[in-house]
Amino acid sequence: MLTAFSRAEVYTPRSPRKNQYYRCVEAHFEELEGTWEDRYQKEYGYWRPYVLDVIYKYLDCGDLHLGFARVKCDDCNHEYL
């Protein structure tokens, strides 16, 4: 019988901290926030407060210490994170 999932599958974390975009945001976001008004506001508009929330949620994403979801099929008992 064919199933949608192979029992040999193993969860592999996506390791966002190894991503170049993640490292760039982590290294330079506070500088961007601090210089926004003087350097970018005239061209791009005011600093939107929700940006801070979005960036910090992005930086937290993928950290299993902050929570995760486990999905289980009731029919075949296959589980994955």
PDB file of N, CA and C in Angstrom:
ATOM      1  N   MET A   1       0.828  -1.174   0.000  1.00  0.00           N
ATOM      2  CA  MET A   1       0.000   0.000   0.000  1.00  0.00           C
ATOM      3  C   MET A   1       0.883   1.252   0.000  1.00  0.00           C
ATOM      4  N   LEU A   2       0.579   2.217  -0.836  1.00  0.00           N
ATOM      5  CA  LEU A   2       1.333   3.460  -0.899  1.00  0.00           C
ATOM      6  C   LEU A   2       0.732   4.477   0.061  1.00  0.00           C
ATOM      7  N   THR A   3       1.608   5.183   0.746  1.00  0.00           N
ATOM      8  CA  THR A   3       1.141   6.241   1.641  1.00  0.00           C
ATOM      9  C   THR A   3       1.793   7.554   1.231  1.00  0.00           C
ATOM     10  N   ALA A   4       1.231   8.640   1.703  1.00  0.00           N
ATOM     11  CA  ALA A   4       1.748   9.961   1.350  1.00  0.00           C
ATOM     12  C   ALA A   4       3.080  10.251   2.037  1.00  0.00           C
ATOM     13  N   PHE A   5       3.360   9.578   3.139  1.00  0.00           N
ATOM     14  CA  PHE A   5       4.574   9.836   3.888  1.00  0.00           C
ATOM     15  C   PHE A   5       5.376   8.555   4.051  1.00  0.00           C
ATOM     16  N   SER A   6       6.663   8.695   3.950  1.00  0.00           N
ATOM     17  CA  SER A   6       7.554   7.568   4.176  1.00  0.00           C
ATOM     18  C   SER A   6       7.918   7.527   5.661  1.00  0.00           C
ATOM     19  N   ARG A   7       7.965   6.362   6.220  1.00  0.00           N
ATOM     20  CA  ARG A   7       8.345   6.220   7.633  1.00  0.00           C
ATOM     21  C   ARG A   7       9.808   6.609   7.857  1.00  0.00           C
ATOM     22  N   ALA A   8      10.589   6.669   6.782  1.00  0.00           N
ATOM     23  CA  ALA A   8      12.001   6.995   6.906  1.00  0.00           C
ATOM     24  C   ALA A   8      12.243   8.501   7.057  1.00  0.00           C
ATOM     25  N   GLU A   9      11.203   9.314   6.878  1.00  0.00           N
ATOM     26  CA  GLU A   9      11.378  10.756   6.992  1.00  0.00           C
ATOM     27  C   GLU A   9      11.741  11.132   8.422  1.00  0.00           C
ATOM     28  N   VAL A  10      12.676  12.044   8.540  1.00  0.00           N
ATOM     29  CA  VAL A  10      13.127  12.528   9.833  1.00  0.00           C
ATOM     30  C   VAL A  10      13.042  14.047   9.808  1.00  0.00           C
ATOM     31  N   TYR A  11      12.589  14.623  10.906  1.00  0.00           N
ATOM     32  CA  TYR A  11      12.493  16.078  10.977  1.00  0.00           C
ATOM     33  C   TYR A  11      13.873  16.699  10.886  1.00  0.00           C
ATOM     34  N   THR A  12      14.012  17.673  10.020  1.00  0.00           N
ATOM     35  CA  THR A  12      15.245  18.427   9.889  1.00  0.00           C
ATOM     36  C   THR A  12      14.925  19.894  10.131  1.00  0.00           C
ATOM     37  N   PRO A  13      15.442  20.472  11.196  1.00  0.00           N
ATOM     38  CA  PRO A  13      15.151  21.880  11.443  1.00  0.00           C
ATOM     39  C   PRO A  13      15.683  22.742  10.302  1.00  0.00           C
ATOM     40  N   ARG A  14      15.006  23.846  10.037  1.00  0.00           N
ATOM     41  CA  ARG A  14      15.395  24.662   8.903  1.00  0.00           C
ATOM     42  C   ARG A  14      16.577  25.573   9.188  1.00  0.00           C
ATOM     43  N   SER A  15      17.023  25.671  10.420  1.00  0.00           N
ATOM     44  CA  SER A  15      18.209  26.443  10.813  1.00  0.00           C
ATOM     45  C   SER A  15      18.215  27.863  10.248  1.00  0.00           C
ATOM     46  N   PRO A  16      17.257  28.692  10.636  1.00  0.00           N
ATOM     47  CA  PRO A  16      17.188  30.033  10.061  1.00  0.00           C
ATOM     48  C   PRO A  16      18.419  30.882  10.352  1.00  0.00           C
ATOM     49  N   ARG A  17      19.110  30.599  11.433  1.00  0.00           N
ATOM     50  CA  ARG A  17      20.277  31.418  11.775  1.00  0.00           C
ATOM     51  C   ARG A  17      21.427  31.253  10.786  1.00  0.00           C
ATOM     52  N   LYS A  18      21.374  30.225   9.959  1.00  0.00           N
ATOM     53  CA  LYS A  18      22.399  30.025   8.936  1.00  0.00           C
ATOM     54  C   LYS A  18      22.061  30.768   7.644  1.00  0.00           C
ATOM     55  N   ASN A  19      20.860  31.280   7.550  1.00  0.00           N
ATOM     56  CA  ASN A  19      20.386  31.989   6.373  1.00  0.00           C
ATOM     57  C   ASN A  19      21.025  33.380   6.313  1.00  0.00           C
ATOM     58  N   GLN A  20      21.499  33.796   5.121  1.00  0.00           N
ATOM     59  CA  GLN A  20      22.155  35.097   4.998  1.00  0.00           C
ATOM     60  C   GLN A  20      21.213  36.253   5.319  1.00  0.00           C
ATOM     61  N   TYR A  21      19.956  36.141   4.914  1.00  0.00           N
ATOM     62  CA  TYR A  21      18.991  37.203   5.204  1.00  0.00           C
ATOM     63  C   TYR A  21      18.801  37.344   6.713  1.00  0.00           C
ATOM     64  N   TYR A  22      18.664  36.234   7.396  1.00  0.00           N
ATOM     65  CA  TYR A  22      18.494  36.248   8.852  1.00  0.00           C
ATOM     66  C   TYR A  22      19.683  36.943   9.511  1.00  0.00           C
ATOM     67  N   ARG A  23      20.882  36.552   9.109  1.00  0.00           N
ATOM     68  CA  ARG A  23      22.083  37.133   9.719  1.00  0.00           C
ATOM     69  C   ARG A  23      22.182  38.630   9.445  1.00  0.00           C
ATOM     70  N   CYS A  24      21.789  39.045   8.247  1.00  0.00           N
ATOM     71  CA  CYS A  24      21.800  40.468   7.901  1.00  0.00           C
ATOM     72  C   CYS A  24      20.813  41.240   8.774  1.00  0.00           C
ATOM     73  N   VAL A  25      19.594  40.723   8.901  1.00  0.00           N
ATOM     74  CA  VAL A  25      18.577  41.383   9.732  1.00  0.00           C
ATOM     75  C   VAL A  25      19.047  41.446  11.180  1.00  0.00           C
ATOM     76  N   GLU A  26      19.564  40.344  11.680  1.00  0.00           N
ATOM     77  CA  GLU A  26      20.017  40.296  13.072  1.00  0.00           C
ATOM     78  C   GLU A  26      21.153  41.293  13.324  1.00  0.00           C
ATOM     79  N   ALA A  27      22.056  41.414  12.369  1.00  0.00           N
ATOM     80  CA  ALA A  27      23.224  42.274  12.549  1.00  0.00           C
ATOM     81  C   ALA A  27      22.924  43.760  12.343  1.00  0.00           C
ATOM     82  N   HIS A  28      21.959  44.097  11.487  1.00  0.00           N
ATOM     83  CA  HIS A  28      21.803  45.495  11.080  1.00  0.00           C
ATOM     84  C   HIS A  28      20.448  46.127  11.362  1.00  0.00           C
ATOM     85  N   PHE A  29      19.489  45.377  11.864  1.00  0.00           N
ATOM     86  CA  PHE A  29      18.150  45.937  12.037  1.00  0.00           C
ATOM     87  C   PHE A  29      18.122  47.105  13.015  1.00  0.00           C
ATOM     88  N   GLU A  30      18.795  46.980  14.136  1.00  0.00           N
ATOM     89  CA  GLU A  30      18.770  48.066  15.123  1.00  0.00           C
ATOM     90  C   GLU A  30      19.387  49.340  14.556  1.00  0.00           C
ATOM     91  N   GLU A  31      20.425  49.191  13.742  1.00  0.00           N
ATOM     92  CA  GLU A  31      21.027  50.356  13.082  1.00  0.00           C
ATOM     93  C   GLU A  31      20.030  50.987  12.106  1.00  0.00           C
ATOM     94  N   LEU A  32      19.333  50.171  11.341  1.00  0.00           N
ATOM     95  CA  LEU A  32      18.319  50.674  10.410  1.00  0.00           C
ATOM     96  C   LEU A  32      17.243  51.447  11.161  1.00  0.00           C
ATOM     97  N   GLU A  33      16.763  50.866  12.239  1.00  0.00           N
ATOM     98  CA  GLU A  33      15.727  51.529  13.036  1.00  0.00           C
ATOM     99  C   GLU A  33      16.227  52.870  13.576  1.00  0.00           C
ATOM    100  N   GLY A  34      17.457  52.894  14.047  1.00  0.00           N
ATOM    101  CA  GLY A  34      18.013  54.110  14.635  1.00  0.00           C
ATOM    102  C   GLY A  34      18.288  55.224  13.639  1.00  0.00           C
ATOM    103  N   THR A  35      18.535  54.886  12.391  1.00  0.00           N
ATOM    104  CA  THR A  35      18.864  55.897  11.384  1.00  0.00           C
ATOM    105  C   THR A  35      17.714  56.182  10.421  1.00  0.00           C
ATOM    106  N   TRP A  36      16.595  55.494  10.591  1.00  0.00           N
ATOM    107  CA  TRP A  36      15.478  55.615   9.640  1.00  0.00           C
ATOM    108  C   TRP A  36      15.037  57.063   9.422  1.00  0.00           C
ATOM    109  N   GLU A  37      14.774  57.761  10.501  1.00  0.00           N
ATOM    110  CA  GLU A  37      14.211  59.110  10.382  1.00  0.00           C
ATOM    111  C   GLU A  37      15.136  60.029   9.576  1.00  0.00           C
ATOM    112  N   ASP A  38      16.425  60.012   9.876  1.00  0.00           N
ATOM    113  CA  ASP A  38      17.368  60.904   9.195  1.00  0.00           C
ATOM    114  C   ASP A  38      17.683  60.478   7.765  1.00  0.00           C
ATOM    115  N   ARG A  39      17.782  59.179   7.524  1.00  0.00           N
ATOM    116  CA  ARG A  39      18.266  58.716   6.223  1.00  0.00           C
ATOM    117  C   ARG A  39      17.181  58.282   5.243  1.00  0.00           C
ATOM    118  N   TYR A  40      16.048  57.783   5.736  1.00  0.00           N
ATOM    119  CA  TYR A  40      15.084  57.143   4.834  1.00  0.00           C
ATOM    120  C   TYR A  40      13.671  57.718   4.873  1.00  0.00           C
ATOM    121  N   GLN A  41      13.326  58.433   5.934  1.00  0.00           N
ATOM    122  CA  GLN A  41      11.939  58.867   6.099  1.00  0.00           C
ATOM    123  C   GLN A  41      11.457  59.755   4.956  1.00  0.00           C
ATOM    124  N   LYS A  42      12.281  60.653   4.484  1.00  0.00           N
ATOM    125  CA  LYS A  42      11.870  61.567   3.415  1.00  0.00           C
ATOM    126  C   LYS A  42      11.460  60.798   2.157  1.00  0.00           C
ATOM    127  N   GLU A  43      12.190  59.747   1.833  1.00  0.00           N
ATOM    128  CA  GLU A  43      11.905  58.980   0.615  1.00  0.00           C
ATOM    129  C   GLU A  43      10.863  57.880   0.825  1.00  0.00           C
ATOM    130  N   TYR A  44      10.886  57.208   1.989  1.00  0.00           N
ATOM    131  CA  TYR A  44      10.041  56.027   2.201  1.00  0.00           C
ATOM    132  C   TYR A  44       8.914  56.216   3.216  1.00  0.00           C
ATOM    133  N   GLY A  45       8.866  57.357   3.869  1.00  0.00           N
ATOM    134  CA  GLY A  45       7.805  57.596   4.841  1.00  0.00           C
ATOM    135  C   GLY A  45       8.239  57.277   6.264  1.00  0.00           C
ATOM    136  N   TYR A  46       7.335  57.543   7.183  1.00  0.00           N
ATOM    137  CA  TYR A  46       7.630  57.381   8.610  1.00  0.00           C
ATOM    138  C   TYR A  46       7.859  55.905   8.980  1.00  0.00           C
ATOM    139  N   TRP A  47       8.538  55.717  10.095  1.00  0.00           N
ATOM    140  CA  TRP A  47       8.787  54.367  10.633  1.00  0.00           C
ATOM    141  C   TRP A  47       7.480  53.805  11.169  1.00  0.00           C
ATOM    142  N   ARG A  48       7.065  52.687  10.651  1.00  0.00           N
ATOM    143  CA  ARG A  48       5.808  52.071  11.070  1.00  0.00           C
ATOM    144  C   ARG A  48       6.066  51.156  12.275  1.00  0.00           C
ATOM    145  N   PRO A  49       5.356  51.399  13.365  1.00  0.00           N
ATOM    146  CA  PRO A  49       5.614  50.662  14.607  1.00  0.00           C
ATOM    147  C   PRO A  49       5.489  49.140  14.479  1.00  0.00           C
ATOM    148  N   TYR A  50       4.639  48.645  13.592  1.00  0.00           N
ATOM    149  CA  TYR A  50       4.465  47.196  13.478  1.00  0.00           C
ATOM    150  C   TYR A  50       5.706  46.502  12.931  1.00  0.00           C
ATOM    151  N   VAL A  51       6.611  47.261  12.296  1.00  0.00           N
ATOM    152  CA  VAL A  51       7.828  46.665  11.732  1.00  0.00           C
ATOM    153  C   VAL A  51       8.632  45.978  12.828  1.00  0.00           C
ATOM    154  N   LEU A  52       8.726  46.606  13.977  1.00  0.00           N
ATOM    155  CA  LEU A  52       9.470  46.033  15.098  1.00  0.00           C
ATOM    156  C   LEU A  52       8.912  44.668  15.486  1.00  0.00           C
ATOM    157  N   ASP A  53       7.593  44.573  15.608  1.00  0.00           N
ATOM    158  CA  ASP A  53       6.938  43.294  15.933  1.00  0.00           C
ATOM    159  C   ASP A  53       7.237  42.231  14.892  1.00  0.00           C
ATOM    160  N   VAL A  54       7.109  42.598  13.636  1.00  0.00           N
ATOM    161  CA  VAL A  54       7.313  41.643  12.545  1.00  0.00           C
ATOM    162  C   VAL A  54       8.748  41.129  12.537  1.00  0.00           C
ATOM    163  N   ILE A  55       9.703  42.025  12.685  1.00  0.00           N
ATOM    164  CA  ILE A  55      11.114  41.617  12.657  1.00  0.00           C
ATOM    165  C   ILE A  55      11.444  40.711  13.830  1.00  0.00           C
ATOM    166  N   TYR A  56      10.983  41.052  15.026  1.00  0.00           N
ATOM    167  CA  TYR A  56      11.294  40.198  16.176  1.00  0.00           C
ATOM    168  C   TYR A  56      10.598  38.843  16.084  1.00  0.00           C
ATOM    169  N   LYS A  57       9.416  38.803  15.512  1.00  0.00           N
ATOM    170  CA  LYS A  57       8.756  37.507  15.285  1.00  0.00           C
ATOM    171  C   LYS A  57       9.543  36.690  14.266  1.00  0.00           C
ATOM    172  N   TYR A  58      10.045  37.352  13.227  1.00  0.00           N
ATOM    173  CA  TYR A  58      10.866  36.662  12.225  1.00  0.00           C
ATOM    174  C   TYR A  58      12.121  36.086  12.879  1.00  0.00           C
ATOM    175  N   LEU A  59      12.792  36.871  13.711  1.00  0.00           N
ATOM    176  CA  LEU A  59      14.017  36.399  14.354  1.00  0.00           C
ATOM    177  C   LEU A  59      13.746  35.247  15.320  1.00  0.00           C
ATOM    178  N   ASP A  60      12.549  35.204  15.917  1.00  0.00           N
ATOM    179  CA  ASP A  60      12.185  34.112  16.825  1.00  0.00           C
ATOM    180  C   ASP A  60      11.726  32.858  16.087  1.00  0.00           C
ATOM    181  N   CYS A  61      11.301  33.009  14.844  1.00  0.00           N
ATOM    182  CA  CYS A  61      10.756  31.885  14.077  1.00  0.00           C
ATOM    183  C   CYS A  61      11.818  30.803  13.885  1.00  0.00           C
ATOM    184  N   GLY A  62      11.438  29.577  14.088  1.00  0.00           N
ATOM    185  CA  GLY A  62      12.362  28.461  13.924  1.00  0.00           C
ATOM    186  C   GLY A  62      13.069  28.067  15.207  1.00  0.00           C
ATOM    187  N   ASP A  63      12.881  28.829  16.267  1.00  0.00           N
ATOM    188  CA  ASP A  63      13.477  28.497  17.558  1.00  0.00           C
ATOM    189  C   ASP A  63      12.507  27.581  18.303  1.00  0.00           C
ATOM    190  N   LEU A  64      12.825  26.309  18.356  1.00  0.00           N
ATOM    191  CA  LEU A  64      11.922  25.340  18.978  1.00  0.00           C
ATOM    192  C   LEU A  64      11.713  25.598  20.468  1.00  0.00           C
ATOM    193  N   HIS A  65      12.598  26.347  21.095  1.00  0.00           N
ATOM    194  CA  HIS A  65      12.416  26.690  22.507  1.00  0.00           C
ATOM    195  C   HIS A  65      11.206  27.597  22.708  1.00  0.00           C
ATOM    196  N   LEU A  66      10.782  28.260  21.643  1.00  0.00           N
ATOM    197  CA  LEU A  66       9.655  29.192  21.732  1.00  0.00           C
ATOM    198  C   LEU A  66       8.344  28.557  21.301  1.00  0.00           C
ATOM    199  N   GLY A  67       8.373  27.261  21.028  1.00  0.00           N
ATOM    200  CA  GLY A  67       7.148  26.548  20.676  1.00  0.00           C
ATOM    201  C   GLY A  67       7.208  25.925  19.295  1.00  0.00           C
ATOM    202  N   PHE A  68       6.377  24.931  19.098  1.00  0.00           N
ATOM    203  CA  PHE A  68       6.285  24.246  17.813  1.00  0.00           C
ATOM    204  C   PHE A  68       4.961  23.509  17.763  1.00  0.00           C
ATOM    205  N   ALA A  69       4.624  23.035  16.595  1.00  0.00           N
ATOM    206  CA  ALA A  69       3.389  22.260  16.422  1.00  0.00           C
ATOM    207  C   ALA A  69       3.748  20.839  16.020  1.00  0.00           C
ATOM    208  N   ARG A  70       3.089  19.877  16.614  1.00  0.00           N
ATOM    209  CA  ARG A  70       3.253  18.475  16.228  1.00  0.00           C
ATOM    210  C   ARG A  70       1.946  18.045  15.578  1.00  0.00           C
ATOM    211  N   VAL A  71       2.067  17.478  14.386  1.00  0.00           N
ATOM    212  CA  VAL A  71       0.895  17.041  13.629  1.00  0.00           C
ATOM    213  C   VAL A  71       0.919  15.522  13.573  1.00  0.00           C
ATOM    214  N   LYS A  72      -0.239  14.897  13.851  1.00  0.00           N
ATOM    215  CA  LYS A  72      -0.315  13.439  13.853  1.00  0.00           C
ATOM    216  C   LYS A  72      -1.548  13.000  13.076  1.00  0.00           C
ATOM    217  N   CYS A  73      -1.348  12.030  12.202  1.00  0.00           N
ATOM    218  CA  CYS A  73      -2.453  11.443  11.456  1.00  0.00           C
ATOM    219  C   CYS A  73      -3.107  10.372  12.334  1.00  0.00           C
ATOM    220  N   ASP A  74      -4.403  10.492  12.570  1.00  0.00           N
ATOM    221  CA  ASP A  74      -5.119   9.518  13.400  1.00  0.00           C
ATOM    222  C   ASP A  74      -5.211   8.147  12.734  1.00  0.00           C
ATOM    223  N   ASP A  75      -5.164   8.115  11.411  1.00  0.00           N
ATOM    224  CA  ASP A  75      -5.284   6.842  10.697  1.00  0.00           C
ATOM    225  C   ASP A  75      -4.002   6.018  10.736  1.00  0.00           C
ATOM    226  N   CYS A  76      -2.864   6.656  10.430  1.00  0.00           N
ATOM    227  CA  CYS A  76      -1.619   5.881  10.328  1.00  0.00           C
ATOM    228  C   CYS A  76      -0.615   6.199  11.435  1.00  0.00           C
ATOM    229  N   ASN A  77      -0.942   7.152  12.307  1.00  0.00           N
ATOM    230  CA  ASN A  77      -0.079   7.575  13.410  1.00  0.00           C
ATOM    231  C   ASN A  77       1.210   8.257  12.970  1.00  0.00           C
ATOM    232  N   HIS A  78       1.295   8.669  11.705  1.00  0.00           N
ATOM    233  CA  HIS A  78       2.475   9.408  11.248  1.00  0.00           C
ATOM    234  C   HIS A  78       2.492  10.764  11.948  1.00  0.00           C
ATOM    235  N   GLU A  79       3.662  11.181  12.433  1.00  0.00           N
ATOM    236  CA  GLU A  79       3.806  12.460  13.113  1.00  0.00           C
ATOM    237  C   GLU A  79       4.925  13.262  12.475  1.00  0.00           C
ATOM    238  N   TYR A  80       4.782  14.569  12.523  1.00  0.00           N
ATOM    239  CA  TYR A  80       5.875  15.449  12.130  1.00  0.00           C
ATOM    240  C   TYR A  80       5.722  16.784  12.836  1.00  0.00           C
ATOM    241  N   LEU A  81       6.832  17.525  12.907  1.00  0.00           N
ATOM    242  CA  LEU A  81       6.827  18.846  13.548  1.00  0.00           C
ATOM    243  C   LEU A  81       6.611  19.899  12.493  1.00  0.00           C
TER     244      LEU A  81
END
